Amino acid sequence: MKFSIIIPAYQAGATLERCLQSLAAQSISDFEIVLVADDNNDYEPLGSSFGLNIRYLRTATPRSGPSVARNLGLDAAQGDYVCYLDADDCFSDNRLASFYKALQRHKLVGDYPLTFDAHGERIPAYLSEDKSLGLADFLRLNFPVKVAHSNQKNLRFDETVRFAEDTLFNARAICFFNASLYVLADTSYHYYLSPTSLTSQSFKVIEQGYTELLSRVPRIIEASEQQKQLIYQQFWLKRALNKVFFDYVAEFGPCSFPVFSKKLGAQP
């Protein structure tokens, strides 16, 4: 089996159908879905209508968080490669095929999400060509990267972290594989922004998240001291940029972070 697709699901009844439809439309069919419910909902009736190879798991305690759900999925994954999909997002129909091709040449492959705002408008793309990013280059990015990698049971999400867990996991993966992250310019992950994503509460939550993360980086990353210091510095810079972003929104009105980063010329 080529892929295991791990989907953590929390209150996903309104979006899971779109998510699974995108998997049913994949150009290759040699994959399984590991759907991990992090709530009390039963997603099997909806999932069974697609004729997909889906296994259903559940976290021991609802609202355990996506890292716990993804680790359960990693424990159960049987594919040669693993990729991740949130229940409110979806894949382009060629994603698995293009990633499989890239994974024959690179240990760690990703792309940035093709982002849509609350009105369904597409936010401008980031990269014009594929890039191979070491740890330093990856940490300078101001957009998320959705990754796929070989099925490694020792590579885990840190369950004590509830903020920026994807970025932290990707940094750990670069160190784990001792390899660059190969980022595809032809993005195939569709990410949908929530209409409530820009609130004053969001800033407080994000600021608290960065503060907690920075205090714990030395203990939660399996890397050299030089790599840990680099990770710490880049998360500190991201926190500072986050403050500037929310000040911009407060003065000029709603703006997505990708558009804001473009205005700053912050992308590589």
Foldseek 3Di string as FASTA:
>chain_A
DAEEEEEEDEPLPVAQLVAVVQVLLAPDQPYEYEYEYLADDDCVVVVVVSPHRYDYHYDPHHPLAPQSSVLVSLVVDDHQKYFYAYSNKHWHRHVSVVVSVVVVPFQKEWEFAQEAEPVRDTDDAFDPFKDWAALLQLLLDPTAITMMGGRDNVQGFDSVARPPRRSLSVSLVCQVVVGTYIYGSPDTIYHYHDPPCQDPVNLVVRLVRLVVCLVCLVPPHPHDPVSSVSNSVSSVVSNVVSVVVNVCCVVPNDDDPVVVCVVVVSHD
